[in-house]
Amino acid sequence: MPRIIPLLLFLLISFGLAAQIQFDIQAFSDSTKYGWQDWRDRSAYREELLDRQQLLHMYEIESSPIRTTILKSVMVPGFGQISSKAGTKGTVILSSELLALGASLYFWDRSRFYYNKYLDATQVDEIQEYYSAAQNPRQYSMLFLGLGAVIWAYNIFDVILTTDEYNAQVWQEIVDKYGKKTLTMGPDGLQLKF
């Protein structure tokens, strides 16, 4: 074990000495590898990059973050769609979720009503009648609860698609509105391009 450490240290030092001794500044500064022929191309690329950064800054201000919309839709189904400017879709999802859960609660309440009567019954005929009467509403309650879970899961899937579509639309509007204008007003003030 003690011999391995000096051997590794020796190998590390020898690889360091065998490394390139002189830095090749010509290969590093060759701008033709990026498709630039002269300083004008580099300057145009730099300006295009700065313009794109400003557009991205405006996009970040106006777009909806996908994590936020997912969290909104997890808490309140349809709220993520509404915040992504798809109000009709969000309202339909929210109302169908509320209807499914409301129907589930209604049938569960009916089932509990007959089940409580079953527990209080003393005659065999009443016991069988109330137990049978409690079974159908319970099954409907579970069915509507499952439907509510399916609607909730679809809501999460749909909010991702809706937010992506909304953000793509916001980006296109920003590019169309501010992309090639000579006079623009951005976060840094008025800018005039020639």
N, C-alpha and C. Protein backbone atom coordinates (compact mmCIF):
# COMPACT_ATOMS: atom_id res chain seq x y z
N MET A 1 0.80 -1.20 0.00
CA MET A 1 0.00 0.00 0.00
C MET A 1 0.85 1.26 0.00
N PRO A 2 1.92 1.34 0.79
CA PRO A 2 2.74 2.55 0.78
C PRO A 2 3.41 2.78 -0.58
N ARG A 3 3.66 1.73 -1.36
CA ARG A 3 4.29 1.90 -2.67
C ARG A 3 3.31 2.47 -3.69
N ILE A 4 2.04 2.26 -3.51
CA ILE A 4 1.04 2.70 -4.49
C ILE A 4 0.91 4.22 -4.50
N ILE A 5 0.99 4.83 -3.34
CA ILE A 5 0.82 6.28 -3.25
C ILE A 5 1.93 7.02 -3.99
N PRO A 6 3.22 6.68 -3.80
CA PRO A 6 4.26 7.36 -4.59
C PRO A 6 4.12 7.07 -6.09
N LEU A 7 3.68 5.85 -6.44
CA LEU A 7 3.52 5.51 -7.85
C LEU A 7 2.41 6.36 -8.48
N LEU A 8 1.29 6.51 -7.77
CA LEU A 8 0.21 7.35 -8.28
C LEU A 8 0.62 8.81 -8.37
N LEU A 9 1.37 9.27 -7.39
CA LEU A 9 1.87 10.64 -7.42
C LEU A 9 2.83 10.85 -8.59
N PHE A 10 3.67 9.89 -8.85
CA PHE A 10 4.61 9.96 -9.98
C PHE A 10 3.85 9.99 -11.31
N LEU A 11 2.82 9.13 -11.45
CA LEU A 11 2.03 9.12 -12.69
C LEU A 11 1.29 10.44 -12.89
N LEU A 12 0.75 11.00 -11.83
CA LEU A 12 0.05 12.27 -11.92
C LEU A 12 0.99 13.39 -12.36
N ILE A 13 2.17 13.44 -11.80
CA ILE A 13 3.15 14.46 -12.17
C ILE A 13 3.62 14.27 -13.60
N SER A 14 3.85 13.02 -14.03
CA SER A 14 4.32 12.77 -15.39
C SER A 14 3.25 13.12 -16.42
N PHE A 15 1.97 12.86 -16.13
CA PHE A 15 0.92 13.26 -17.06
C PHE A 15 0.81 14.78 -17.12
N GLY A 16 1.04 15.44 -16.01
CA GLY A 16 1.01 16.90 -15.99
C GLY A 16 2.15 17.48 -16.82
N LEU A 17 3.32 16.86 -16.78
CA LEU A 17 4.46 17.34 -17.57
C LEU A 17 4.28 17.03 -19.05
N ALA A 18 3.58 15.95 -19.36
CA ALA A 18 3.38 15.57 -20.75
C ALA A 18 2.24 16.37 -21.40
N ALA A 19 1.54 17.14 -20.63
CA ALA A 19 0.45 17.94 -21.18
C ALA A 19 1.00 19.03 -22.08
N GLN A 20 0.11 19.66 -22.83
CA GLN A 20 0.54 20.69 -23.76
C GLN A 20 1.22 21.82 -23.00
N ILE A 21 2.41 22.12 -23.39
CA ILE A 21 3.21 23.13 -22.69
C ILE A 21 2.82 24.54 -23.12
N GLN A 22 2.55 24.72 -24.40
CA GLN A 22 2.24 26.04 -24.91
C GLN A 22 0.78 26.09 -25.35
N PHE A 23 0.10 27.16 -24.99
CA PHE A 23 -1.30 27.34 -25.37
C PHE A 23 -1.35 27.85 -26.80
N ASP A 24 -2.14 27.19 -27.64
CA ASP A 24 -2.24 27.56 -29.05
C ASP A 24 -3.30 28.64 -29.21
N ILE A 25 -2.88 29.89 -29.18
CA ILE A 25 -3.80 31.01 -29.25
C ILE A 25 -4.43 31.12 -30.63
N GLN A 26 -3.73 30.70 -31.68
CA GLN A 26 -4.27 30.79 -33.04
C GLN A 26 -5.49 29.87 -33.21
N ALA A 27 -5.38 28.65 -32.71
CA ALA A 27 -6.51 27.71 -32.82
C ALA A 27 -7.67 28.16 -31.95
N PHE A 28 -7.35 28.75 -30.82
CA PHE A 28 -8.40 29.20 -29.91
C PHE A 28 -9.17 30.40 -30.47
N SER A 29 -8.48 31.32 -31.12
CA SER A 29 -9.12 32.55 -31.58
C SER A 29 -9.61 32.48 -33.02
N ASP A 30 -9.55 31.32 -33.65
CA ASP A 30 -10.02 31.18 -35.03
C ASP A 30 -11.54 31.29 -35.06
N SER A 31 -12.04 32.42 -35.55
CA SER A 31 -13.49 32.65 -35.55
C SER A 31 -14.20 32.00 -36.72
N THR A 32 -13.47 31.51 -37.69
CA THR A 32 -14.13 30.87 -38.83
C THR A 32 -14.76 29.53 -38.44
N LYS A 33 -14.33 28.96 -37.35
CA LYS A 33 -14.96 27.70 -36.92
C LYS A 33 -16.38 27.92 -36.44
N TYR A 34 -16.76 29.17 -36.13
CA TYR A 34 -18.13 29.50 -35.74
C TYR A 34 -18.95 30.03 -36.91
N GLY A 35 -18.34 30.14 -38.08
CA GLY A 35 -19.03 30.65 -39.25
C GLY A 35 -18.92 32.16 -39.39
N TRP A 36 -18.02 32.80 -38.64
CA TRP A 36 -17.83 34.23 -38.73
C TRP A 36 -16.63 34.49 -39.63
N GLN A 37 -16.81 35.36 -40.61
CA GLN A 37 -15.71 35.66 -41.52
C GLN A 37 -14.89 36.86 -41.05
N ASP A 38 -15.54 37.80 -40.38
CA ASP A 38 -14.81 38.95 -39.88
C ASP A 38 -15.51 39.51 -38.65
N TRP A 39 -15.08 40.69 -38.20
CA TRP A 39 -15.62 41.27 -36.98
C TRP A 39 -17.08 41.68 -37.13
N ARG A 40 -17.54 41.97 -38.36
CA ARG A 40 -18.94 42.35 -38.56
C ARG A 40 -19.87 41.16 -38.26
N ASP A 41 -19.46 39.98 -38.66
CA ASP A 41 -20.27 38.79 -38.37
C ASP A 41 -20.36 38.54 -36.87
N ARG A 42 -19.23 38.71 -36.19
CA ARG A 42 -19.24 38.54 -34.74
C ARG A 42 -20.14 39.57 -34.08
N SER A 43 -20.08 40.81 -34.54
CA SER A 43 -20.90 41.87 -33.97
C SER A 43 -22.39 41.62 -34.24
N ALA A 44 -22.72 41.17 -35.43
CA ALA A 44 -24.13 40.87 -35.75
C ALA A 44 -24.63 39.72 -34.88
N TYR A 45 -23.79 38.72 -34.67
CA TYR A 45 -24.19 37.59 -33.83
C TYR A 45 -24.40 38.05 -32.39
N ARG A 46 -23.51 38.92 -31.91
CA ARG A 46 -23.63 39.43 -30.54
C ARG A 46 -24.93 40.24 -30.39
N GLU A 47 -25.25 41.08 -31.36
CA GLU A 47 -26.49 41.87 -31.29
C GLU A 47 -27.71 40.96 -31.33
N GLU A 48 -27.68 39.95 -32.18
CA GLU A 48 -28.80 39.00 -32.26
C GLU A 48 -28.97 38.26 -30.93
N LEU A 49 -27.86 37.90 -30.31
CA LEU A 49 -27.91 37.22 -29.02
C LEU A 49 -28.49 38.14 -27.94
N LEU A 50 -28.09 39.41 -27.93
CA LEU A 50 -28.64 40.35 -26.96
C LEU A 50 -30.13 40.58 -27.19
N ASP A 51 -30.54 40.67 -28.44
CA ASP A 51 -31.97 40.83 -28.74
C ASP A 51 -32.76 39.62 -28.25
N ARG A 52 -32.22 38.45 -28.48
CA ARG A 52 -32.91 37.22 -28.05
C ARG A 52 -32.98 37.15 -26.52
N GLN A 53 -31.94 37.60 -25.84
CA GLN A 53 -31.97 37.62 -24.38
C GLN A 53 -33.05 38.57 -23.86
N GLN A 54 -33.22 39.70 -24.51
CA GLN A 54 -34.27 40.63 -24.10
C GLN A 54 -35.65 40.03 -24.35
N LEU A 55 -35.82 39.34 -25.48
CA LEU A 55 -37.09 38.68 -25.76
C LEU A 55 -37.36 37.59 -24.73
N LEU A 56 -36.32 36.84 -24.36
CA LEU A 56 -36.49 35.81 -23.34
C LEU A 56 -36.86 36.41 -21.99
N HIS A 57 -36.31 37.57 -21.70
CA HIS A 57 -36.65 38.24 -20.44
C HIS A 57 -38.14 38.61 -20.43
N MET A 58 -38.63 39.15 -21.55
CA MET A 58 -40.05 39.48 -21.63
C MET A 58 -40.90 38.21 -21.58
N TYR A 59 -40.41 37.15 -22.18
CA TYR A 59 -41.13 35.87 -22.17
C TYR A 59 -41.26 35.33 -20.76
N GLU A 60 -40.18 35.43 -19.97
CA GLU A 60 -40.22 34.95 -18.60
C GLU A 60 -41.21 35.74 -17.75
N ILE A 61 -41.39 37.02 -18.06
CA ILE A 61 -42.33 37.85 -17.32
C ILE A 61 -43.77 37.46 -17.66
N GLU A 62 -44.05 37.18 -18.95
CA GLU A 62 -45.42 36.97 -19.39
C GLU A 62 -45.86 35.51 -19.41
N SER A 63 -44.94 34.57 -19.44
CA SER A 63 -45.33 33.16 -19.57
C SER A 63 -45.73 32.57 -18.21
N SER A 64 -46.34 31.39 -18.28
CA SER A 64 -46.73 30.68 -17.06
C SER A 64 -45.75 29.55 -16.79
N PRO A 65 -45.10 29.54 -15.63
CA PRO A 65 -44.22 28.42 -15.31
C PRO A 65 -45.03 27.13 -15.17
N ILE A 66 -44.52 26.06 -15.76
CA ILE A 66 -45.29 24.81 -15.81
C ILE A 66 -45.45 24.21 -14.41
N ARG A 67 -44.45 24.35 -13.54
CA ARG A 67 -44.57 23.81 -12.18
C ARG A 67 -45.69 24.49 -11.42
N THR A 68 -45.81 25.80 -11.60
CA THR A 68 -46.85 26.55 -10.91
C THR A 68 -48.24 26.13 -11.37
N THR A 69 -48.41 25.97 -12.68
CA THR A 69 -49.73 25.60 -13.18
C THR A 69 -50.08 24.17 -12.78
N ILE A 70 -49.10 23.29 -12.73
CA ILE A 70 -49.37 21.92 -12.27
C ILE A 70 -49.80 21.95 -10.81
N LEU A 71 -49.10 22.71 -9.99
CA LEU A 71 -49.46 22.81 -8.57
C LEU A 71 -50.86 23.40 -8.40
N LYS A 72 -51.19 24.40 -9.19
CA LYS A 72 -52.54 24.97 -9.13
C LYS A 72 -53.59 23.93 -9.48
N SER A 73 -53.32 23.14 -10.52
CA SER A 73 -54.30 22.13 -10.95
C SER A 73 -54.36 20.95 -9.98
N VAL A 74 -53.28 20.67 -9.28
CA VAL A 74 -53.34 19.61 -8.27
C VAL A 74 -54.25 20.03 -7.13
N MET A 75 -54.13 21.29 -6.73
CA MET A 75 -54.95 21.79 -5.63
C MET A 75 -56.41 21.99 -6.02
N VAL A 76 -56.63 22.66 -7.15
CA VAL A 76 -57.99 22.94 -7.64
C VAL A 76 -58.02 22.55 -9.11
N PRO A 77 -58.68 21.45 -9.45
CA PRO A 77 -58.71 21.01 -10.85
C PRO A 77 -59.27 22.10 -11.77
N GLY A 78 -58.57 22.36 -12.86
CA GLY A 78 -58.99 23.37 -13.82
C GLY A 78 -58.38 24.73 -13.59
N PHE A 79 -57.82 24.99 -12.41
CA PHE A 79 -57.26 26.31 -12.11
C PHE A 79 -56.00 26.59 -12.93
N GLY A 80 -55.21 25.56 -13.19
CA GLY A 80 -54.02 25.73 -14.04
C GLY A 80 -54.40 26.09 -15.46
N GLN A 81 -55.46 25.48 -15.97
CA GLN A 81 -55.92 25.81 -17.32
C GLN A 81 -56.44 27.25 -17.36
N ILE A 82 -57.16 27.65 -16.31
CA ILE A 82 -57.69 29.02 -16.27
C ILE A 82 -56.54 30.02 -16.22
N SER A 83 -55.48 29.73 -15.47
CA SER A 83 -54.35 30.66 -15.40
C SER A 83 -53.52 30.64 -16.68
N SER A 84 -53.69 29.61 -17.52
CA SER A 84 -53.02 29.56 -18.83
C SER A 84 -53.94 30.08 -19.93
N LYS A 85 -54.92 30.85 -19.56
CA LYS A 85 -55.85 31.50 -20.48
C LYS A 85 -56.69 30.52 -21.29
N ALA A 86 -56.99 29.35 -20.73
CA ALA A 86 -57.92 28.40 -21.33
C ALA A 86 -59.10 28.26 -20.37
N GLY A 87 -59.84 29.34 -20.23
CA GLY A 87 -60.90 29.42 -19.22
C GLY A 87 -62.02 28.43 -19.42
N THR A 88 -62.42 28.21 -20.67
CA THR A 88 -63.51 27.28 -20.93
C THR A 88 -63.13 25.86 -20.54
N LYS A 89 -61.93 25.47 -20.94
CA LYS A 89 -61.46 24.12 -20.61
C LYS A 89 -61.33 23.95 -19.10
N GLY A 90 -60.79 24.95 -18.42
CA GLY A 90 -60.64 24.88 -16.97
C GLY A 90 -61.98 24.83 -16.27
N THR A 91 -62.95 25.59 -16.77
CA THR A 91 -64.28 25.59 -16.15
C THR A 91 -64.97 24.24 -16.35
N VAL A 92 -64.83 23.66 -17.53
CA VAL A 92 -65.44 22.34 -17.79
C VAL A 92 -64.81 21.29 -16.87
N ILE A 93 -63.49 21.32 -16.73
CA ILE A 93 -62.82 20.33 -15.86
C ILE A 93 -63.25 20.52 -14.41
N LEU A 94 -63.27 21.77 -13.95
CA LEU A 94 -63.66 22.04 -12.57
C LEU A 94 -65.11 21.63 -12.30
N SER A 95 -66.01 21.98 -13.21
CA SER A 95 -67.41 21.63 -12.98
C SER A 95 -67.65 20.13 -13.07
N SER A 96 -66.96 19.43 -13.98
CA SER A 96 -67.14 17.97 -14.04
C SER A 96 -66.55 17.30 -12.80
N GLU A 97 -65.47 17.82 -12.28
CA GLU A 97 -64.89 17.28 -11.04
C GLU A 97 -65.85 17.49 -9.88
N LEU A 98 -66.42 18.69 -9.80
CA LEU A 98 -67.37 18.98 -8.71
C LEU A 98 -68.63 18.13 -8.84
N LEU A 99 -69.11 17.94 -10.06
CA LEU A 99 -70.29 17.09 -10.26
C LEU A 99 -70.01 15.64 -9.87
N ALA A 100 -68.86 15.13 -10.27
CA ALA A 100 -68.52 13.74 -9.93
C ALA A 100 -68.39 13.57 -8.42
N LEU A 101 -67.70 14.50 -7.77
CA LEU A 101 -67.55 14.39 -6.32
C LEU A 101 -68.87 14.64 -5.59
N GLY A 102 -69.67 15.55 -6.11
CA GLY A 102 -70.98 15.80 -5.50
C GLY A 102 -71.89 14.59 -5.61
N ALA A 103 -71.89 13.93 -6.78
CA ALA A 103 -72.70 12.72 -6.95
C ALA A 103 -72.19 11.61 -6.05
N SER A 104 -70.87 11.52 -5.92
CA SER A 104 -70.29 10.50 -5.04
C SER A 104 -70.71 10.74 -3.59
N LEU A 105 -70.67 11.98 -3.16
CA LEU A 105 -71.10 12.30 -1.78
C LEU A 105 -72.58 12.05 -1.59
N TYR A 106 -73.38 12.37 -2.59
CA TYR A 106 -74.81 12.13 -2.47
C TYR A 106 -75.11 10.63 -2.30
N PHE A 107 -74.52 9.80 -3.16
CA PHE A 107 -74.77 8.36 -3.07
C PHE A 107 -74.16 7.77 -1.80
N TRP A 108 -73.03 8.30 -1.35
CA TRP A 108 -72.44 7.82 -0.10
C TRP A 108 -73.36 8.15 1.08
N ASP A 109 -73.96 9.35 1.05
CA ASP A 109 -74.90 9.75 2.10
C ASP A 109 -76.13 8.84 2.09
N ARG A 110 -76.63 8.53 0.90
CA ARG A 110 -77.78 7.61 0.80
C ARG A 110 -77.42 6.23 1.34
N SER A 111 -76.21 5.78 1.01
CA SER A 111 -75.75 4.48 1.49
C SER A 111 -75.63 4.48 3.01
N ARG A 112 -75.06 5.53 3.57
CA ARG A 112 -74.93 5.63 5.03
C ARG A 112 -76.30 5.69 5.71
N PHE A 113 -77.27 6.33 5.10
CA PHE A 113 -78.61 6.41 5.65
C PHE A 113 -79.22 5.01 5.78
N TYR A 114 -79.15 4.24 4.70
CA TYR A 114 -79.71 2.88 4.75
C TYR A 114 -78.85 1.96 5.64
N TYR A 115 -77.55 2.19 5.68
CA TYR A 115 -76.70 1.37 6.54
C TYR A 115 -77.01 1.62 8.02
N ASN A 116 -77.25 2.86 8.38
CA ASN A 116 -77.63 3.17 9.77
C ASN A 116 -78.97 2.54 10.12
N LYS A 117 -79.89 2.53 9.17
CA LYS A 117 -81.18 1.85 9.40
C LYS A 117 -80.96 0.34 9.54
N TYR A 118 -80.03 -0.19 8.77
CA TYR A 118 -79.68 -1.61 8.87
C TYR A 118 -79.13 -1.93 10.25
N LEU A 119 -78.28 -1.06 10.78
CA LEU A 119 -77.72 -1.28 12.11
C LEU A 119 -78.78 -1.21 13.20
N ASP A 120 -79.79 -0.37 13.01
CA ASP A 120 -80.85 -0.21 14.01
C ASP A 120 -81.98 -1.24 13.86
N ALA A 121 -82.01 -1.95 12.73
CA ALA A 121 -83.11 -2.89 12.47
C ALA A 121 -83.02 -4.09 13.41
N THR A 122 -84.21 -4.62 13.75
CA THR A 122 -84.26 -5.76 14.67
C THR A 122 -84.87 -7.00 14.03
N GLN A 123 -85.59 -6.82 12.94
CA GLN A 123 -86.20 -7.97 12.29
C GLN A 123 -85.37 -8.39 11.08
N VAL A 124 -85.41 -9.66 10.74
CA VAL A 124 -84.60 -10.21 9.66
C VAL A 124 -84.98 -9.59 8.32
N ASP A 125 -86.28 -9.40 8.07
CA ASP A 125 -86.70 -8.81 6.80
C ASP A 125 -86.17 -7.38 6.65
N GLU A 126 -86.27 -6.60 7.71
CA GLU A 126 -85.76 -5.23 7.68
C GLU A 126 -84.24 -5.20 7.52
N ILE A 127 -83.54 -6.10 8.18
CA ILE A 127 -82.09 -6.17 8.09
C ILE A 127 -81.67 -6.42 6.64
N GLN A 128 -82.28 -7.43 5.99
CA GLN A 128 -81.95 -7.74 4.60
C GLN A 128 -82.34 -6.60 3.65
N GLU A 129 -83.50 -6.00 3.89
CA GLU A 129 -83.97 -4.91 3.02
C GLU A 129 -83.05 -3.70 3.10
N TYR A 130 -82.67 -3.28 4.30
CA TYR A 130 -81.83 -2.10 4.46
C TYR A 130 -80.39 -2.37 3.99
N TYR A 131 -79.92 -3.57 4.21
CA TYR A 131 -78.57 -3.90 3.74
C TYR A 131 -78.54 -3.87 2.21
N SER A 132 -79.54 -4.44 1.56
CA SER A 132 -79.62 -4.41 0.09
C SER A 132 -79.75 -2.98 -0.42
N ALA A 133 -80.56 -2.19 0.28
CA ALA A 133 -80.76 -0.81 -0.13
C ALA A 133 -79.49 0.02 0.04
N ALA A 134 -78.60 -0.36 0.94
CA ALA A 134 -77.35 0.37 1.16
C ALA A 134 -76.29 0.01 0.13
N GLN A 135 -76.39 -1.14 -0.51
CA GLN A 135 -75.35 -1.60 -1.44
C GLN A 135 -75.32 -0.81 -2.74
N ASN A 136 -76.46 -0.59 -3.38
CA ASN A 136 -76.47 0.12 -4.67
C ASN A 136 -75.93 1.55 -4.57
N PRO A 137 -76.39 2.36 -3.63
CA PRO A 137 -75.80 3.71 -3.54
C PRO A 137 -74.30 3.69 -3.23
N ARG A 138 -73.85 2.70 -2.48
CA ARG A 138 -72.42 2.61 -2.19
C ARG A 138 -71.63 2.33 -3.46
N GLN A 139 -72.12 1.45 -4.30
CA GLN A 139 -71.44 1.15 -5.57
C GLN A 139 -71.42 2.38 -6.48
N TYR A 140 -72.55 3.09 -6.54
CA TYR A 140 -72.58 4.32 -7.34
C TYR A 140 -71.62 5.37 -6.78
N SER A 141 -71.53 5.42 -5.46
CA SER A 141 -70.62 6.36 -4.83
C SER A 141 -69.17 6.06 -5.22
N MET A 142 -68.79 4.78 -5.19
CA MET A 142 -67.43 4.40 -5.57
C MET A 142 -67.19 4.65 -7.07
N LEU A 143 -68.21 4.44 -7.88
CA LEU A 143 -68.09 4.68 -9.31
C LEU A 143 -67.84 6.16 -9.60
N PHE A 144 -68.61 7.04 -8.97
CA PHE A 144 -68.42 8.47 -9.18
C PHE A 144 -67.12 8.97 -8.56
N LEU A 145 -66.69 8.35 -7.48
CA LEU A 145 -65.39 8.72 -6.90
C LEU A 145 -64.27 8.34 -7.85
N GLY A 146 -64.37 7.18 -8.48
CA GLY A 146 -63.38 6.77 -9.48
C GLY A 146 -63.39 7.69 -10.69
N LEU A 147 -64.59 8.11 -11.10
CA LEU A 147 -64.69 9.06 -12.21
C LEU A 147 -64.02 10.38 -11.83
N GLY A 148 -64.20 10.82 -10.59
CA GLY A 148 -63.54 12.04 -10.12
C GLY A 148 -62.03 11.90 -10.15
N ALA A 149 -61.52 10.72 -9.79
CA ALA A 149 -60.07 10.49 -9.84
C ALA A 149 -59.56 10.50 -11.27
N VAL A 150 -60.32 9.94 -12.20
CA VAL A 150 -59.92 9.95 -13.61
C VAL A 150 -59.91 11.38 -14.14
N ILE A 151 -60.92 12.17 -13.80
CA ILE A 151 -60.97 13.57 -14.23
C ILE A 151 -59.80 14.34 -13.64
N TRP A 152 -59.46 14.09 -12.40
CA TRP A 152 -58.34 14.77 -11.75
C TRP A 152 -57.02 14.41 -12.44
N ALA A 153 -56.83 13.12 -12.77
CA ALA A 153 -55.61 12.70 -13.46
C ALA A 153 -55.53 13.32 -14.86
N TYR A 154 -56.66 13.33 -15.58
CA TYR A 154 -56.67 13.97 -16.90
C TYR A 154 -56.37 15.45 -16.78
N ASN A 155 -56.84 16.07 -15.72
CA ASN A 155 -56.58 17.48 -15.47
C ASN A 155 -55.08 17.74 -15.38
N ILE A 156 -54.35 16.89 -14.68
CA ILE A 156 -52.90 17.07 -14.55
C ILE A 156 -52.22 16.90 -15.91
N PHE A 157 -52.64 15.91 -16.67
CA PHE A 157 -52.07 15.69 -18.01
C PHE A 157 -52.37 16.88 -18.91
N ASP A 158 -53.61 17.36 -18.88
CA ASP A 158 -54.03 18.43 -19.77
C ASP A 158 -53.38 19.76 -19.42
N VAL A 159 -53.13 20.01 -18.15
CA VAL A 159 -52.54 21.30 -17.79
C VAL A 159 -51.12 21.42 -18.34
N ILE A 160 -50.42 20.32 -18.48
CA ILE A 160 -49.08 20.36 -19.07
C ILE A 160 -49.18 20.76 -20.54
N LEU A 161 -50.10 20.14 -21.28
CA LEU A 161 -50.27 20.47 -22.69
C LEU A 161 -50.77 21.90 -22.88
N THR A 162 -51.72 22.30 -22.06
CA THR A 162 -52.29 23.64 -22.18
C THR A 162 -51.25 24.71 -21.87
N THR A 163 -50.44 24.48 -20.85
CA THR A 163 -49.40 25.46 -20.51
C THR A 163 -48.33 25.54 -21.60
N ASP A 164 -47.96 24.40 -22.18
CA ASP A 164 -47.01 24.42 -23.29
C ASP A 164 -47.55 25.20 -24.48
N GLU A 165 -48.82 24.98 -24.81
CA GLU A 165 -49.43 25.72 -25.92
C GLU A 165 -49.49 27.22 -25.61
N TYR A 166 -49.85 27.55 -24.40
CA TYR A 166 -49.94 28.96 -24.02
C TYR A 166 -48.57 29.63 -24.07
N ASN A 167 -47.55 28.96 -23.54
CA ASN A 167 -46.21 29.54 -23.54
C ASN A 167 -45.67 29.68 -24.97
N ALA A 168 -45.97 28.72 -25.85
CA ALA A 168 -45.55 28.83 -27.25
C ALA A 168 -46.25 30.02 -27.91
N GLN A 169 -47.52 30.22 -27.59
CA GLN A 169 -48.26 31.34 -28.14
C GLN A 169 -47.69 32.66 -27.62
N VAL A 170 -47.35 32.72 -26.34
CA VAL A 170 -46.77 33.93 -25.77
C VAL A 170 -45.43 34.24 -26.44
N TRP A 171 -44.61 33.22 -26.65
CA TRP A 171 -43.32 33.43 -27.29
C TRP A 171 -43.51 33.96 -28.71
N GLN A 172 -44.45 33.37 -29.46
CA GLN A 172 -44.68 33.81 -30.84
C GLN A 172 -45.18 35.25 -30.87
N GLU A 173 -46.06 35.61 -29.94
CA GLU A 173 -46.55 36.99 -29.88
C GLU A 173 -45.42 37.97 -29.55
N ILE A 174 -44.53 37.58 -28.65
CA ILE A 174 -43.40 38.45 -28.30
C ILE A 174 -42.47 38.61 -29.49
N VAL A 175 -42.17 37.52 -30.19
CA VAL A 175 -41.29 37.61 -31.35
C VAL A 175 -41.94 38.47 -32.44
N ASP A 176 -43.24 38.28 -32.67
CA ASP A 176 -43.92 39.07 -33.69
C ASP A 176 -43.99 40.54 -33.31
N LYS A 177 -44.19 40.82 -32.04
CA LYS A 177 -44.38 42.19 -31.60
C LYS A 177 -43.06 42.95 -31.47
N TYR A 178 -42.03 42.30 -30.92
CA TYR A 178 -40.79 43.01 -30.61
C TYR A 178 -39.59 42.52 -31.40
N GLY A 179 -39.72 41.44 -32.15
CA GLY A 179 -38.57 40.79 -32.75
C GLY A 179 -37.76 41.62 -33.71
N LYS A 180 -38.36 42.18 -34.73
CA LYS A 180 -37.60 42.87 -35.78
C LYS A 180 -37.93 44.36 -35.84
N LYS A 181 -38.38 44.93 -34.78
CA LYS A 181 -38.73 46.34 -34.75
C LYS A 181 -37.47 47.19 -34.60
N THR A 182 -37.54 48.38 -35.20
CA THR A 182 -36.39 49.28 -35.06
C THR A 182 -36.46 50.06 -33.75
N LEU A 183 -37.67 50.36 -33.30
CA LEU A 183 -37.82 51.06 -32.02
C LEU A 183 -38.60 50.15 -31.08
N THR A 184 -37.98 49.75 -29.99
CA THR A 184 -38.63 48.86 -29.05
C THR A 184 -38.57 49.45 -27.66
N MET A 185 -39.56 49.08 -26.88
CA MET A 185 -39.58 49.49 -25.48
C MET A 185 -39.51 48.23 -24.64
N GLY A 186 -38.46 48.09 -23.89
CA GLY A 186 -38.27 46.89 -23.08
C GLY A 186 -38.00 47.24 -21.64
N PRO A 187 -37.51 46.27 -20.89
CA PRO A 187 -37.21 46.51 -19.48
C PRO A 187 -36.11 47.56 -19.27
N ASP A 188 -35.26 47.75 -20.29
CA ASP A 188 -34.18 48.71 -20.16
C ASP A 188 -34.54 50.09 -20.71
N GLY A 189 -35.76 50.26 -21.20
CA GLY A 189 -36.19 51.54 -21.75
C GLY A 189 -36.35 51.46 -23.27
N LEU A 190 -36.33 52.61 -23.92
CA LEU A 190 -36.46 52.68 -25.37
C LEU A 190 -35.13 52.33 -26.04
N GLN A 191 -35.23 51.57 -27.13
CA GLN A 191 -34.01 51.20 -27.87
C GLN A 191 -34.29 51.43 -29.35
N LEU A 192 -33.33 52.02 -30.03
CA LEU A 192 -33.43 52.29 -31.45
C LEU A 192 -32.36 51.49 -32.16
N LYS A 193 -32.80 50.68 -33.13
CA LYS A 193 -31.85 49.85 -33.88
C LYS A 193 -31.79 50.34 -35.32
N PHE A 194 -30.62 50.32 -35.88
CA PHE A 194 -30.44 50.76 -37.26
C PHE A 194 -30.20 49.59 -38.17
